[in-house]
Amino acid sequence: MYDTILVPTDGSESANVAGRHATGIATAVDADVHALSVIDPKECASAVGDVSELNERQRQAYEQRATEAAAAVTASAGPDVAVEEHVLCGTPSQAIEEFVTRNDADLVAMGTHGRTGLKRQLVGSVAERTIRTVPVPVLTAHHESPADGG
């Protein structure tokens, strides 16, 4: 059924929940898991002027965060699940779509932040764009705080 499962992750609890679902499915069907964290260049765009040292520190911080996000999926996987970690730079939804195509992923499992209203209109939804553009099923997971009953 599934041979390759992609878990796009930003390190959020919703992404971690999706990662746990993906590794559970992978255990049941003997699939490989790919954890993908994407560094959006718009988040670390340079300012005007010569600030190369600041830009380099910022790039390193984003790369560290992305690496840790991918490693969190590996940490949640059982010993029988093969997880490959990937960090790419690009627009998240486009990077996910390209990764699915290049690696013949059968399933995408990703978190959703559940934004609504103006914030969703301004920020957009990587999960929504992914659902619309990838040619494979997309499992979405949302983390609810203990106060919400989740």
Protein backbone atom coordinates (compact mmCIF):
# COMPACT_ATOMS: atom_id res chain seq x y z
CA MET A 1 0.00 0.00 0.00
CA TYR A 2 2.63 2.54 1.08
CA ASP A 3 6.36 2.19 0.49
CA THR A 4 7.52 5.77 1.06
CA ILE A 5 5.92 8.22 3.48
CA LEU A 6 6.90 11.90 3.54
CA VAL A 7 6.61 13.89 6.76
CA PRO A 8 7.09 17.61 6.10
CA THR A 9 7.94 19.15 9.47
CA ASP A 10 8.47 22.57 10.95
CA GLY A 11 9.10 21.17 14.42
CA SER A 12 5.64 22.12 15.70
CA GLU A 13 3.62 19.79 17.89
CA SER A 14 1.15 19.29 15.02
CA ALA A 15 4.01 18.12 12.80
CA ASN A 16 5.22 15.81 15.58
CA VAL A 17 1.72 14.30 15.85
CA ALA A 18 1.74 13.73 12.07
CA GLY A 19 5.19 12.15 12.38
CA ARG A 20 3.95 9.73 15.03
CA HIS A 21 1.03 8.73 12.78
CA ALA A 22 3.40 8.29 9.83
CA THR A 23 5.82 6.10 11.77
CA GLY A 24 2.91 4.02 13.06
CA ILE A 25 1.69 3.46 9.52
CA ALA A 26 5.24 2.75 8.37
CA THR A 27 5.62 0.10 11.07
CA ALA A 28 2.38 -1.58 10.02
CA VAL A 29 3.15 -1.64 6.29
CA ASP A 30 6.98 -1.78 6.37
CA ALA A 31 7.42 1.60 4.68
CA ASP A 32 10.31 4.06 4.74
CA VAL A 33 9.80 7.52 6.19
CA HIS A 34 11.37 10.72 4.92
CA ALA A 35 11.35 13.70 7.30
CA LEU A 36 11.58 16.94 5.34
CA SER A 37 12.12 20.37 6.83
CA VAL A 38 12.08 23.30 4.42
CA ILE A 39 13.84 26.60 5.03
CA ASP A 40 11.72 29.30 3.43
CA PRO A 41 14.11 31.93 2.02
CA LYS A 42 11.45 34.60 2.61
CA GLU A 43 11.84 34.04 6.36
CA CYS A 44 15.56 34.71 6.26
CA ALA A 45 15.76 37.29 3.49
CA SER A 46 18.61 39.74 3.82
CA ALA A 47 18.12 43.36 4.78
CA VAL A 48 19.41 46.28 2.74
CA GLY A 49 23.12 46.93 3.12
CA ASP A 50 26.13 44.85 4.04
CA VAL A 51 24.92 42.57 6.80
CA SER A 52 26.50 39.35 5.61
CA GLU A 53 27.62 38.24 9.08
CA LEU A 54 24.12 38.75 10.46
CA ASN A 55 22.62 36.94 7.46
CA GLU A 56 25.01 34.02 7.93
CA ARG A 57 24.09 33.69 11.62
CA GLN A 58 20.41 33.85 10.74
CA ARG A 59 20.82 31.22 8.00
CA GLN A 60 22.65 28.95 10.43
CA ALA A 61 19.87 29.38 13.01
CA TYR A 62 17.20 28.45 10.44
CA GLU A 63 19.26 25.48 9.28
CA GLN A 64 19.73 24.31 12.89
CA ARG A 65 15.99 24.60 13.55
CA ALA A 66 15.18 22.68 10.35
CA THR A 67 17.67 19.94 11.21
CA GLU A 68 16.20 19.59 14.71
CA ALA A 69 12.67 19.41 13.28
CA ALA A 70 13.63 16.55 10.96
CA ALA A 71 15.50 14.79 13.79
CA ALA A 72 12.37 14.93 15.97
CA VAL A 73 10.58 12.65 13.50
CA THR A 74 13.47 10.19 13.68
CA ALA A 75 13.40 10.30 17.47
CA SER A 76 9.70 9.43 17.55
CA ALA A 77 10.11 6.45 15.21
CA GLY A 78 10.42 2.93 16.49
CA PRO A 79 13.54 0.88 15.88
CA ASP A 80 11.91 -0.91 12.95
CA VAL A 81 11.24 2.26 10.94
CA ALA A 82 13.85 3.67 8.56
CA VAL A 83 13.77 7.48 8.62
CA GLU A 84 15.81 9.65 6.30
CA GLU A 85 16.17 13.30 7.24
CA HIS A 86 16.23 16.05 4.62
CA VAL A 87 16.62 19.82 4.84
CA LEU A 88 15.87 21.87 1.73
CA CYS A 89 15.62 25.56 0.97
CA GLY A 90 12.61 26.84 -0.94
CA THR A 91 8.93 27.59 -0.81
CA PRO A 92 7.53 24.88 1.49
CA SER A 93 4.57 23.72 -0.60
CA GLN A 94 6.66 23.64 -3.78
CA ALA A 95 9.52 21.79 -2.07
CA ILE A 96 7.05 19.22 -0.72
CA GLU A 97 5.47 18.69 -4.14
CA GLU A 98 8.87 18.30 -5.82
CA PHE A 99 10.07 15.91 -3.11
CA VAL A 100 6.96 13.72 -3.54
CA THR A 101 7.55 13.52 -7.28
CA ARG A 102 11.32 12.92 -7.16
CA ASN A 103 11.11 10.27 -4.43
CA ASP A 104 7.90 8.47 -5.46
CA ALA A 105 6.28 9.12 -2.09
CA ASP A 106 2.98 7.28 -1.62
CA LEU A 107 1.67 9.31 1.33
CA VAL A 108 2.28 12.71 2.91
CA ALA A 109 1.63 13.06 6.66
CA MET A 110 1.79 16.64 7.88
CA GLY A 111 0.65 18.88 10.67
CA THR A 112 -1.77 21.72 10.28
CA HIS A 113 -1.87 24.71 12.56
CA GLY A 114 -5.61 25.29 12.25
CA ARG A 115 -5.35 28.99 11.49
CA THR A 116 -8.57 30.73 10.55
CA GLY A 117 -9.71 34.14 9.44
CA LEU A 118 -7.31 36.96 8.66
CA LYS A 119 -4.22 35.13 9.91
CA ARG A 120 -4.89 32.28 7.45
CA GLN A 121 -5.47 34.74 4.61
CA LEU A 122 -2.18 36.53 5.34
CA VAL A 123 -0.01 33.51 6.11
CA GLY A 124 -1.68 30.92 3.89
CA SER A 125 -1.76 27.22 4.48
CA VAL A 126 1.09 24.95 3.43
CA ALA A 127 -1.13 21.96 4.21
CA GLU A 128 -3.95 23.26 2.01
CA ARG A 129 -1.61 23.95 -0.90
CA THR A 130 -0.02 20.52 -0.48
CA ILE A 131 -3.40 18.79 -0.50
CA ARG A 132 -4.29 20.58 -3.73
CA THR A 133 -1.01 19.95 -5.55
CA VAL A 134 0.45 16.55 -4.64
CA PRO A 135 -0.78 13.47 -6.52
CA VAL A 136 -0.88 11.25 -3.40
CA PRO A 137 -3.03 11.05 -0.26
CA VAL A 138 -2.29 13.61 2.47
CA LEU A 139 -2.90 12.80 6.11
CA THR A 140 -3.18 15.93 8.24
CA ALA A 141 -2.89 16.10 12.01
CA HIS A 142 -3.68 18.93 14.35
CA HIS A 143 -2.34 19.25 17.87
CA GLU A 144 -4.80 20.33 20.50
CA SER A 145 -3.60 21.64 23.81
CA PRO A 146 -4.61 19.68 26.95
CA ALA A 147 -7.01 22.54 27.77
CA ASP A 148 -8.79 21.81 24.45
CA GLY A 149 -9.22 18.17 25.38
CA GLY A 150 -6.49 16.84 23.07
